[in-house]
Amino acid sequence: MGSSPIHADLNKPTSPISPRPPLAQASPEEVFLSWLIALPDGEDVAVAARKQIRRLDEATTVSPPLRRLRALLAEAAGTPD
């Protein structure tokens, strides 16, 4: 019967098609897109971005990836970096 998915062994564990990296390994762009997609319908993107920028600005240490994420949020907020 071949190796067609239709005839696959249903008891054999399957591996995920596209494993997601842990958040710590995600790029700033991946984090930004995840955040953007997770916003509720009708949410004001600029207002939500400014809120996230305030949270980032309160961080004690700011790594280069966090600076990049902040820059992406600033673009979404329509504010200068």
Protein backbone atom coordinates (compact mmCIF):
# COMPACT_ATOMS: atom_id res chain seq x y z
CA MET A 1 0.00 0.00 0.00
CA GLY A 2 2.97 2.39 0.00
CA SER A 3 3.80 5.28 2.25
CA SER A 4 0.76 7.39 1.51
CA PRO A 5 -0.53 9.36 4.52
CA ILE A 6 -3.86 7.65 3.96
CA HIS A 7 -2.27 4.30 4.74
CA ALA A 8 0.05 5.50 7.50
CA ASP A 9 0.28 3.68 10.79
CA LEU A 10 -2.16 5.57 13.02
CA ASN A 11 -0.45 4.30 16.18
CA LYS A 12 2.94 5.69 15.15
CA PRO A 13 3.67 9.03 16.86
CA THR A 14 4.00 11.90 14.46
CA SER A 15 6.39 14.79 14.68
CA PRO A 16 5.13 18.35 14.37
CA ILE A 17 5.21 19.75 10.86
CA SER A 18 6.64 23.09 11.82
CA PRO A 19 7.92 23.32 15.38
CA ARG A 20 7.87 26.82 16.80
CA PRO A 21 11.04 28.03 18.44
CA PRO A 22 10.84 28.99 22.11
CA LEU A 23 10.07 32.66 22.54
CA ALA A 24 13.62 33.31 23.72
CA GLN A 25 14.88 32.09 20.35
CA ALA A 26 12.31 33.93 18.25
CA SER A 27 13.45 36.93 16.28
CA PRO A 28 12.07 40.39 17.13
CA GLU A 29 10.13 40.23 13.87
CA GLU A 30 8.54 36.90 14.84
CA VAL A 31 7.61 38.27 18.27
CA PHE A 32 6.16 41.42 16.68
CA LEU A 33 4.09 39.45 14.17
CA SER A 34 2.82 37.12 16.90
CA TRP A 35 1.85 40.13 18.99
CA LEU A 36 0.14 41.79 16.03
CA ILE A 37 -1.83 38.68 15.09
CA ALA A 38 -2.91 38.17 18.71
CA LEU A 39 -4.47 41.63 18.99
CA PRO A 40 -8.25 41.46 19.34
CA ASP A 41 -10.35 42.54 16.37
CA GLY A 42 -10.91 46.27 16.40
CA GLU A 43 -7.95 46.96 18.70
CA ASP A 44 -6.15 50.21 17.90
CA VAL A 45 -2.71 48.99 16.83
CA ALA A 46 -1.01 52.31 17.59
CA VAL A 47 -2.43 52.48 21.11
CA ALA A 48 -1.55 48.84 21.81
CA ALA A 49 1.98 49.38 20.46
CA ARG A 50 2.52 52.41 22.70
CA LYS A 51 1.42 50.32 25.68
CA GLN A 52 3.99 47.65 24.81
CA ILE A 53 6.68 50.30 24.32
CA ARG A 54 6.01 51.58 27.84
CA ARG A 55 6.42 48.03 29.17
CA LEU A 56 9.71 47.60 27.30
CA ASP A 57 10.95 50.96 28.56
CA GLU A 58 10.47 49.70 32.13
CA ALA A 59 12.81 46.73 31.52
CA THR A 60 16.01 46.82 33.53
CA THR A 61 18.16 45.44 30.73
CA VAL A 62 17.55 46.08 27.07
CA SER A 63 19.26 43.73 24.66
CA PRO A 64 19.70 44.42 20.95
CA PRO A 65 16.72 42.15 20.07
CA LEU A 66 14.52 44.09 22.51
CA ARG A 67 15.69 47.36 20.96
CA ARG A 68 14.71 45.99 17.54
CA LEU A 69 11.31 44.91 18.88
CA ARG A 70 10.83 48.37 20.37
CA ALA A 71 11.67 49.92 16.98
CA LEU A 72 9.08 47.72 15.28
CA LEU A 73 6.48 48.73 17.87
CA ALA A 74 7.41 52.38 17.42
CA GLU A 75 6.75 52.05 13.69
CA ALA A 76 3.36 50.49 14.42
CA ALA A 77 2.61 53.25 16.90
CA GLY A 78 3.55 55.91 14.39
CA THR A 79 6.03 57.44 16.80
CA PRO A 80 9.68 58.22 16.28
CA ASP A 81 12.07 55.65 17.69
